[in-house]
N, C-alpha and C. Protein backbone atom coordinates (compact mmCIF):
# COMPACT_ATOMS: atom_id res chain seq x y z
N MET A 1 -188.32 55.32 168.90
CA MET A 1 -189.41 56.09 168.29
C MET A 1 -190.38 56.48 169.46
N ALA A 2 -191.36 57.32 169.12
CA ALA A 2 -192.29 57.66 170.22
C ALA A 2 -193.46 56.69 170.41
N GLU A 3 -193.85 56.65 171.58
CA GLU A 3 -195.07 55.95 172.02
C GLU A 3 -196.18 56.88 172.48
N SER A 4 -197.39 56.61 172.18
CA SER A 4 -198.42 57.67 172.74
C SER A 4 -199.80 57.08 172.98
N ALA A 5 -200.65 57.91 173.36
CA ALA A 5 -201.98 57.37 173.80
C ALA A 5 -201.73 56.04 174.64
N ARG A 6 -202.64 55.07 174.35
CA ARG A 6 -202.25 53.76 175.00
C ARG A 6 -201.17 53.14 174.13
N SER A 7 -199.97 53.42 174.36
CA SER A 7 -199.02 52.98 173.50
C SER A 7 -198.41 51.61 173.73
N TYR A 8 -199.34 50.54 173.61
CA TYR A 8 -199.01 49.24 173.84
C TYR A 8 -199.96 48.40 173.06
N THR A 9 -199.43 47.21 172.82
CA THR A 9 -200.41 46.11 172.45
C THR A 9 -200.09 45.11 173.66
N LYS A 10 -200.97 44.07 173.58
CA LYS A 10 -200.93 43.17 174.78
C LYS A 10 -199.72 42.21 174.45
N THR A 11 -199.09 42.22 173.41
CA THR A 11 -198.04 41.13 173.12
C THR A 11 -196.90 41.86 172.56
N LEU A 12 -196.78 43.12 171.95
CA LEU A 12 -195.72 43.57 171.35
C LEU A 12 -195.24 44.83 171.90
N LYS A 13 -193.93 45.28 171.64
CA LYS A 13 -193.45 46.48 172.01
C LYS A 13 -192.48 47.07 170.86
N ILE A 14 -192.09 48.21 171.12
CA ILE A 14 -191.18 49.00 170.15
C ILE A 14 -189.79 48.23 170.22
N GLY A 15 -189.29 47.97 169.13
CA GLY A 15 -188.06 47.09 169.12
C GLY A 15 -188.18 45.70 168.59
N ASP A 16 -189.48 45.26 168.83
CA ASP A 16 -189.79 43.76 168.47
C ASP A 16 -189.78 43.62 166.97
N VAL A 17 -189.42 42.50 166.43
CA VAL A 17 -189.61 42.14 165.10
C VAL A 17 -191.15 42.02 164.81
N ALA A 18 -191.53 42.62 163.93
CA ALA A 18 -193.04 42.59 163.58
C ALA A 18 -193.45 41.11 162.99
N PRO A 19 -194.46 40.45 163.69
CA PRO A 19 -194.83 39.16 163.24
C PRO A 19 -195.33 39.22 161.82
N ASP A 20 -194.92 38.41 160.98
CA ASP A 20 -195.18 38.33 159.57
C ASP A 20 -196.67 37.64 159.49
N PHE A 21 -197.34 38.17 158.41
CA PHE A 21 -198.65 37.68 158.11
C PHE A 21 -198.90 37.79 156.61
N THR A 22 -199.80 37.14 156.14
CA THR A 22 -200.51 37.23 154.84
C THR A 22 -202.10 37.31 155.12
N LEU A 23 -202.70 38.37 154.35
CA LEU A 23 -204.06 38.61 154.36
C LEU A 23 -204.56 38.94 152.95
N LYS A 24 -205.82 38.72 152.75
CA LYS A 24 -206.44 39.07 151.43
C LYS A 24 -206.65 40.62 151.52
N SER A 25 -206.59 41.23 150.40
CA SER A 25 -206.86 42.60 150.25
C SER A 25 -208.27 42.68 149.71
N HIS A 26 -208.83 43.94 149.69
CA HIS A 26 -210.19 44.24 149.38
C HIS A 26 -210.49 43.72 147.92
N VAL A 27 -209.33 43.78 147.10
CA VAL A 27 -209.39 43.23 145.78
C VAL A 27 -209.15 41.71 145.46
N ARG A 28 -209.02 41.05 146.69
CA ARG A 28 -208.96 39.68 146.76
C ARG A 28 -207.43 39.14 146.30
N GLU A 29 -206.37 39.99 146.58
CA GLU A 29 -205.08 39.71 146.27
C GLU A 29 -204.33 39.22 147.69
N ASP A 30 -203.56 38.43 147.72
CA ASP A 30 -202.78 38.29 148.88
C ASP A 30 -201.82 39.39 149.11
N TRP A 31 -201.70 39.76 150.44
CA TRP A 31 -200.86 41.01 150.75
C TRP A 31 -199.82 40.33 151.82
N HIS A 32 -198.62 40.28 151.60
CA HIS A 32 -197.62 39.62 152.52
C HIS A 32 -196.65 40.84 153.14
N LEU A 33 -196.74 40.86 154.54
CA LEU A 33 -195.84 41.79 155.22
C LEU A 33 -194.45 41.70 154.77
N ALA A 34 -194.00 40.41 154.63
CA ALA A 34 -192.53 40.04 154.40
C ALA A 34 -192.10 40.57 153.07
N ASP A 35 -193.00 40.86 152.14
CA ASP A 35 -192.63 41.46 150.72
C ASP A 35 -192.06 42.85 150.86
N PHE A 36 -192.19 43.47 151.99
CA PHE A 36 -191.73 44.91 152.09
C PHE A 36 -190.47 44.90 152.82
N ARG A 37 -190.12 43.80 153.40
CA ARG A 37 -188.78 43.78 154.27
C ARG A 37 -187.71 44.08 153.31
N GLY A 38 -186.77 45.08 153.76
CA GLY A 38 -185.59 45.45 152.90
C GLY A 38 -186.01 46.57 151.93
N LYS A 39 -187.24 46.86 151.71
CA LYS A 39 -187.78 47.66 150.66
C LYS A 39 -188.49 48.97 151.05
N LYS A 40 -189.50 48.76 151.87
CA LYS A 40 -190.29 49.96 152.41
C LYS A 40 -190.59 49.84 153.83
N ASN A 41 -190.91 50.95 154.37
CA ASN A 41 -191.59 51.08 155.91
C ASN A 41 -192.91 50.64 155.58
N VAL A 42 -193.60 50.35 156.61
CA VAL A 42 -195.01 49.84 156.48
C VAL A 42 -195.75 50.49 157.59
N VAL A 43 -196.89 51.09 157.33
CA VAL A 43 -197.93 51.60 158.43
C VAL A 43 -199.02 50.58 158.40
N LEU A 44 -199.25 49.88 159.56
CA LEU A 44 -200.44 49.06 159.66
C LEU A 44 -201.27 49.91 160.49
N ALA A 45 -202.58 50.20 159.90
CA ALA A 45 -203.62 51.03 160.51
C ALA A 45 -204.79 49.88 160.78
N PHE A 46 -204.95 49.54 162.15
CA PHE A 46 -205.98 48.64 162.53
C PHE A 46 -207.30 49.44 162.84
N VAL A 47 -208.31 49.00 162.21
CA VAL A 47 -209.54 49.77 162.33
C VAL A 47 -210.58 48.80 162.75
N PRO A 48 -211.45 49.33 163.74
CA PRO A 48 -212.55 48.39 164.30
C PRO A 48 -213.55 47.90 163.18
N PHE A 49 -214.21 48.79 162.46
CA PHE A 49 -215.30 48.52 161.65
C PHE A 49 -215.35 49.32 160.33
N ALA A 50 -215.60 48.73 159.40
CA ALA A 50 -215.80 49.42 158.00
C ALA A 50 -217.08 50.10 158.16
N PHE A 51 -217.09 51.24 157.51
CA PHE A 51 -218.37 52.11 157.33
C PHE A 51 -218.73 52.85 158.63
N SER A 52 -217.90 52.66 159.73
CA SER A 52 -218.28 53.43 160.98
C SER A 52 -217.75 54.84 160.79
N ARG A 53 -218.30 55.73 161.55
CA ARG A 53 -218.01 57.19 161.46
C ARG A 53 -216.52 57.50 161.52
N VAL A 54 -215.97 57.01 162.62
CA VAL A 54 -214.58 57.39 162.81
C VAL A 54 -213.62 56.64 161.72
N CYS A 55 -213.87 55.44 161.47
CA CYS A 55 -212.98 54.72 160.51
C CYS A 55 -213.16 55.28 159.15
N SER A 56 -214.28 55.80 158.88
CA SER A 56 -214.63 56.54 157.54
C SER A 56 -214.00 57.82 157.52
N ALA A 57 -213.64 58.48 158.65
CA ALA A 57 -212.75 59.67 158.71
C ALA A 57 -211.39 59.32 158.49
N GLN A 58 -210.92 58.29 159.17
CA GLN A 58 -209.46 57.93 159.22
C GLN A 58 -209.02 57.45 157.85
N LEU A 59 -209.58 56.71 157.16
CA LEU A 59 -209.10 56.26 155.71
C LEU A 59 -208.90 57.33 154.89
N PRO A 60 -209.80 58.18 154.75
CA PRO A 60 -209.64 59.25 153.78
C PRO A 60 -208.47 60.26 154.12
N SER A 61 -208.21 60.32 155.46
CA SER A 61 -207.00 61.03 155.92
C SER A 61 -205.77 60.57 155.34
N TYR A 62 -205.65 59.23 155.29
CA TYR A 62 -204.44 58.62 154.65
C TYR A 62 -204.45 58.73 153.09
N GLU A 63 -205.62 58.62 152.57
CA GLU A 63 -205.66 58.76 151.09
C GLU A 63 -205.27 60.14 150.72
N ARG A 64 -205.48 61.24 151.59
CA ARG A 64 -205.07 62.56 151.22
C ARG A 64 -203.70 62.71 151.28
N GLU A 65 -202.93 61.92 152.15
CA GLU A 65 -201.53 61.95 152.52
C GLU A 65 -200.81 61.03 151.81
N LEU A 66 -201.32 60.22 150.78
CA LEU A 66 -200.55 59.14 150.16
C LEU A 66 -199.15 59.71 149.53
N GLU A 67 -199.10 60.88 148.97
CA GLU A 67 -197.89 61.31 148.58
C GLU A 67 -196.87 61.54 149.54
N ARG A 68 -197.31 61.91 150.81
CA ARG A 68 -196.39 62.10 151.91
C ARG A 68 -196.02 60.66 152.24
N PHE A 69 -196.67 59.59 152.33
CA PHE A 69 -196.33 58.30 152.73
C PHE A 69 -195.26 57.86 151.72
N ARG A 70 -195.62 57.98 150.38
CA ARG A 70 -194.71 57.60 149.36
C ARG A 70 -193.37 58.23 149.32
N SER A 71 -193.33 59.65 149.79
CA SER A 71 -192.13 60.26 149.76
C SER A 71 -191.26 59.73 151.11
N ALA A 72 -191.91 59.23 151.98
CA ALA A 72 -191.33 58.65 153.22
C ALA A 72 -191.03 57.15 153.00
N ASP A 73 -191.13 56.85 151.67
CA ASP A 73 -190.84 55.37 151.35
C ASP A 73 -191.57 54.32 152.18
N THR A 74 -192.89 54.59 152.28
CA THR A 74 -193.82 53.88 153.16
C THR A 74 -194.98 53.36 152.43
N GLU A 75 -195.40 52.23 152.87
CA GLU A 75 -196.63 51.50 152.35
C GLU A 75 -197.66 51.65 153.42
N VAL A 76 -198.80 52.18 153.22
CA VAL A 76 -199.92 52.17 154.23
C VAL A 76 -200.93 51.16 153.87
N VAL A 77 -201.38 50.48 154.98
CA VAL A 77 -202.53 49.66 154.62
C VAL A 77 -203.55 49.65 155.98
N ALA A 78 -204.66 49.37 155.60
CA ALA A 78 -205.71 49.30 156.68
C ALA A 78 -206.06 47.79 157.06
N ILE A 79 -206.11 47.47 158.34
CA ILE A 79 -206.63 46.08 158.63
C ILE A 79 -207.82 46.19 159.28
N SER A 80 -208.78 45.32 158.82
CA SER A 80 -210.12 45.19 159.53
C SER A 80 -210.55 43.70 159.60
N MET A 81 -211.37 43.46 160.61
CA MET A 81 -211.88 42.03 160.62
C MET A 81 -213.18 41.89 159.71
N ASP A 82 -213.50 42.84 158.94
CA ASP A 82 -214.53 42.81 158.08
C ASP A 82 -214.14 41.80 156.70
N SER A 83 -215.09 41.33 156.04
CA SER A 83 -214.81 40.56 154.90
C SER A 83 -214.22 41.32 153.73
N VAL A 84 -213.58 40.55 152.77
CA VAL A 84 -213.10 41.33 151.67
C VAL A 84 -214.26 41.97 150.90
N TYR A 85 -215.44 41.39 150.92
CA TYR A 85 -216.70 42.03 150.27
C TYR A 85 -216.91 43.31 150.82
N THR A 86 -217.02 43.39 152.02
CA THR A 86 -217.36 44.70 152.84
C THR A 86 -216.24 45.64 152.51
N LEU A 87 -215.02 45.25 152.69
CA LEU A 87 -213.87 46.03 152.46
C LEU A 87 -213.91 46.72 150.96
N ASP A 88 -214.20 45.89 149.98
CA ASP A 88 -214.25 46.34 148.61
C ASP A 88 -215.24 47.51 148.50
N ALA A 89 -216.53 47.23 149.21
CA ALA A 89 -217.59 48.18 149.06
C ALA A 89 -217.12 49.50 149.76
N TRP A 90 -216.45 49.31 150.88
CA TRP A 90 -216.10 50.54 151.71
C TRP A 90 -214.94 51.18 150.85
N SER A 91 -214.01 50.48 150.34
CA SER A 91 -212.94 51.16 149.46
C SER A 91 -213.53 52.03 148.33
N GLN A 92 -214.67 51.42 147.79
CA GLN A 92 -215.36 52.29 146.62
C GLN A 92 -216.01 53.47 147.26
N ALA A 93 -216.62 53.36 148.36
CA ALA A 93 -217.39 54.25 148.85
C ALA A 93 -216.36 55.41 149.42
N MET A 94 -215.23 55.10 150.02
CA MET A 94 -214.30 56.02 150.55
C MET A 94 -213.26 56.55 149.33
N ARG A 95 -213.28 55.83 148.20
CA ARG A 95 -212.41 56.21 147.19
C ARG A 95 -210.97 56.06 147.64
N THR A 96 -210.47 55.04 148.26
CA THR A 96 -209.31 54.75 148.67
C THR A 96 -208.46 53.93 147.72
N SER A 97 -207.27 54.14 147.58
CA SER A 97 -206.45 53.43 146.62
C SER A 97 -205.38 52.65 147.10
N PHE A 98 -205.28 52.59 148.52
CA PHE A 98 -204.32 51.82 149.32
C PHE A 98 -205.02 50.55 149.60
N PRO A 99 -204.25 49.35 149.98
CA PRO A 99 -204.91 48.26 150.44
C PRO A 99 -205.68 48.12 151.70
N LEU A 100 -206.88 47.61 151.65
CA LEU A 100 -207.67 47.32 152.88
C LEU A 100 -207.56 45.80 153.02
N LEU A 101 -206.96 45.46 154.12
CA LEU A 101 -206.89 43.92 154.35
C LEU A 101 -207.85 43.50 155.28
N SER A 102 -208.24 42.23 154.82
CA SER A 102 -209.37 41.44 155.64
C SER A 102 -208.67 40.51 156.62
N ASP A 103 -208.92 40.72 157.81
CA ASP A 103 -208.60 39.76 158.94
C ASP A 103 -210.00 38.87 159.38
N PHE A 104 -210.68 38.56 158.41
CA PHE A 104 -211.99 37.82 158.63
C PHE A 104 -211.84 36.30 158.94
N TYR A 105 -210.97 35.57 158.32
CA TYR A 105 -211.00 34.25 158.71
C TYR A 105 -209.59 33.77 158.69
N PRO A 106 -209.22 33.00 159.74
CA PRO A 106 -209.94 32.97 160.95
C PRO A 106 -210.09 34.34 161.51
N GLN A 107 -211.28 34.61 162.10
CA GLN A 107 -211.54 35.88 162.64
C GLN A 107 -210.70 36.48 163.56
N GLY A 108 -209.83 37.69 163.08
CA GLY A 108 -209.12 38.41 164.00
C GLY A 108 -207.69 37.69 164.29
N ALA A 109 -207.25 36.78 163.42
CA ALA A 109 -205.87 36.08 163.73
C ALA A 109 -204.82 37.06 163.73
N VAL A 110 -204.72 38.01 162.85
CA VAL A 110 -203.72 39.02 162.88
C VAL A 110 -203.79 40.02 164.04
N VAL A 111 -205.16 40.43 164.21
CA VAL A 111 -205.42 41.37 165.36
C VAL A 111 -204.96 40.63 166.57
N ASP A 112 -205.15 39.37 166.78
CA ASP A 112 -204.71 38.65 168.01
C ASP A 112 -203.02 38.55 167.90
N LEU A 113 -202.56 38.29 166.77
CA LEU A 113 -201.11 38.11 166.62
C LEU A 113 -200.38 39.32 167.14
N TYR A 114 -201.01 40.46 166.95
CA TYR A 114 -200.57 41.85 167.25
C TYR A 114 -201.02 42.36 168.72
N GLY A 115 -201.92 41.56 169.25
CA GLY A 115 -202.31 41.76 170.64
C GLY A 115 -203.28 43.07 170.69
N LEU A 116 -204.19 43.13 169.68
CA LEU A 116 -204.92 44.40 169.48
C LEU A 116 -206.49 43.93 169.75
N ARG A 117 -206.88 42.92 170.21
CA ARG A 117 -208.27 42.72 170.26
C ARG A 117 -208.95 43.51 171.42
N HIS A 118 -209.81 44.27 171.03
CA HIS A 118 -210.62 45.17 172.09
C HIS A 118 -211.44 44.17 172.93
N PRO A 119 -211.61 44.56 174.20
CA PRO A 119 -212.54 43.76 175.02
C PRO A 119 -213.97 43.41 174.54
N ALA A 120 -214.46 44.25 173.53
CA ALA A 120 -215.74 44.05 172.94
C ALA A 120 -215.65 43.16 171.71
N GLY A 121 -214.32 42.62 171.24
CA GLY A 121 -214.32 41.62 170.42
C GLY A 121 -213.67 42.12 168.86
N MET A 122 -213.78 43.38 168.79
CA MET A 122 -213.37 43.83 167.45
C MET A 122 -211.72 44.38 167.68
N SER A 123 -211.17 44.78 166.71
CA SER A 123 -209.79 45.35 166.72
C SER A 123 -209.87 46.72 167.57
N GLU A 124 -208.83 46.85 168.27
CA GLU A 124 -208.53 48.22 168.67
C GLU A 124 -208.23 49.17 167.41
N ARG A 125 -208.40 50.39 167.79
CA ARG A 125 -207.97 51.38 166.72
C ARG A 125 -206.42 51.66 166.98
N ALA A 126 -205.50 51.09 166.12
CA ALA A 126 -204.09 51.30 166.32
C ALA A 126 -203.40 51.49 165.07
N VAL A 127 -202.21 52.13 165.26
CA VAL A 127 -201.23 52.30 164.07
C VAL A 127 -200.05 51.92 164.71
N ILE A 128 -199.38 51.08 163.69
CA ILE A 128 -198.08 50.40 163.93
C ILE A 128 -197.14 50.70 162.79
N VAL A 129 -195.99 51.25 163.13
CA VAL A 129 -194.97 51.59 162.09
C VAL A 129 -193.91 50.51 162.25
N ILE A 130 -193.62 49.93 161.04
CA ILE A 130 -192.63 48.75 160.99
C ILE A 130 -191.50 49.34 159.91
N ASP A 131 -190.21 49.51 160.30
CA ASP A 131 -189.30 49.92 159.46
C ASP A 131 -188.84 48.95 158.33
N LYS A 132 -187.95 49.29 157.52
CA LYS A 132 -187.66 48.43 156.29
C LYS A 132 -187.09 47.21 156.78
N GLU A 133 -186.46 47.00 157.98
CA GLU A 133 -185.80 45.78 158.44
C GLU A 133 -186.79 44.92 159.12
N GLY A 134 -188.12 45.48 159.18
CA GLY A 134 -189.21 44.49 159.94
C GLY A 134 -189.31 44.68 161.33
N ILE A 135 -188.76 45.86 161.94
CA ILE A 135 -188.75 46.16 163.40
C ILE A 135 -189.84 47.15 163.65
N ILE A 136 -190.58 47.00 164.75
CA ILE A 136 -191.56 47.83 165.13
C ILE A 136 -190.89 48.99 165.77
N ARG A 137 -191.37 50.24 165.14
CA ARG A 137 -190.66 51.51 165.56
C ARG A 137 -191.64 52.46 166.14
N HIS A 138 -192.94 52.23 166.20
CA HIS A 138 -193.97 53.09 166.84
C HIS A 138 -195.25 52.30 166.94
N ILE A 139 -195.99 52.51 168.07
CA ILE A 139 -197.19 51.91 168.40
C ILE A 139 -198.23 53.02 169.00
N GLU A 140 -199.22 53.28 168.41
CA GLU A 140 -200.23 54.03 169.00
C GLU A 140 -201.66 53.30 168.88
N VAL A 141 -202.02 53.06 170.12
CA VAL A 141 -203.44 52.49 170.30
C VAL A 141 -204.31 53.67 170.97
N THR A 142 -205.32 54.06 170.30
CA THR A 142 -205.98 55.25 170.86
C THR A 142 -206.78 54.77 172.11
N ALA A 143 -206.89 55.79 172.88
CA ALA A 143 -207.61 55.67 174.14
C ALA A 143 -208.87 55.19 174.08
N SER A 144 -209.64 55.40 173.02
CA SER A 144 -211.05 54.81 172.67
C SER A 144 -211.13 54.50 171.17
N PRO A 145 -211.91 53.57 170.89
CA PRO A 145 -211.93 53.29 169.37
C PRO A 145 -212.72 54.54 168.70
N SER A 146 -213.21 55.46 169.45
CA SER A 146 -213.83 56.59 168.80
C SER A 146 -212.86 57.74 168.65
N ASP A 147 -211.63 57.51 169.06
CA ASP A 147 -210.61 58.51 168.81
C ASP A 147 -209.81 58.28 167.51
N LEU A 148 -209.37 59.27 166.91
CA LEU A 148 -208.44 59.19 165.65
C LEU A 148 -207.12 59.16 166.10
N PRO A 149 -206.07 58.34 165.39
CA PRO A 149 -204.78 58.46 165.64
C PRO A 149 -204.19 59.83 165.30
N ASP A 150 -202.97 60.13 165.85
CA ASP A 150 -202.40 61.36 165.59
C ASP A 150 -201.54 61.31 164.33
N ASN A 151 -201.98 61.76 163.16
CA ASN A 151 -201.24 61.80 161.86
C ASN A 151 -200.03 62.55 161.89
N GLN A 152 -199.91 63.61 162.52
CA GLN A 152 -198.80 64.47 162.69
C GLN A 152 -197.80 63.61 163.46
N GLN A 153 -198.03 62.96 164.58
CA GLN A 153 -197.03 62.25 165.28
C GLN A 153 -196.58 60.98 164.22
N LEU A 154 -197.44 60.39 163.48
CA LEU A 154 -197.10 59.45 162.63
C LEU A 154 -196.03 59.88 161.67
N PHE A 155 -196.21 61.10 160.94
CA PHE A 155 -195.32 61.53 159.96
C PHE A 155 -193.98 62.09 160.67
N GLN A 156 -194.03 62.51 161.94
CA GLN A 156 -192.79 62.58 162.49
C GLN A 156 -191.96 61.40 162.72
N VAL A 157 -192.61 60.26 163.13
CA VAL A 157 -191.98 59.02 163.26
C VAL A 157 -191.38 58.63 161.76
N LEU A 158 -192.11 58.70 160.68
CA LEU A 158 -191.70 58.25 159.41
C LEU A 158 -190.46 59.14 158.94
N HIS A 159 -190.63 60.52 159.29
CA HIS A 159 -189.47 61.55 159.04
C HIS A 159 -188.24 60.98 159.67
N ALA A 160 -188.39 60.68 160.95
CA ALA A 160 -187.14 60.19 161.67
C ALA A 160 -186.62 58.96 161.10
N LEU A 161 -187.38 58.08 160.68
CA LEU A 161 -186.89 56.87 160.01
C LEU A 161 -186.19 57.22 158.81
N GLN A 162 -186.74 58.01 158.03
CA GLN A 162 -186.08 58.59 156.67
C GLN A 162 -184.94 59.15 156.86
N ALA A 163 -184.83 59.90 158.04
CA ALA A 163 -183.45 60.57 158.36
C ALA A 163 -182.28 59.55 158.73
N GLN A 164 -182.80 58.46 159.38
CA GLN A 164 -181.84 57.44 159.70
C GLN A 164 -181.18 56.66 158.56
N THR A 165 -181.90 56.59 157.64
CA THR A 165 -181.52 55.92 156.41
C THR A 165 -180.81 56.76 155.31
N ASN A 166 -180.80 58.12 155.52
CA ASN A 166 -180.17 58.96 154.67
C ASN A 166 -178.78 59.29 155.12
């Protein structure tokens, strides 16, 4: 699959098995990556800060496209180092219906597992596509945290995955 922008993490590359993790969602439920293996593709959208201008544009863009994600047999989640309380308030403000996952404690453990800690301490803005078998098929790390990921490219990757399974 395609790589773009700063198309790397510090530890992972396309073709690697995605590291498994469990995080609390904004509604305080455990969310396990392994639960989707063999069932759905997964889009992990790492975002630096809840309520920031760019993040608050990114999440509604996914919400508007949820039917496209579903038709591509894909679960989309956002991951932030903010607390579940902050993410719950943000989800309500943004009116999102997909899971917002808290990587709050230990602070940034999943961000670090995926090699996505920005030099300033927060998460890079990144999108990682994981196929149904748990393999990383796309990585986009934006050139700057103030840049939005390319949703058209994201859906091209998901379309290609869907074509492979049909």
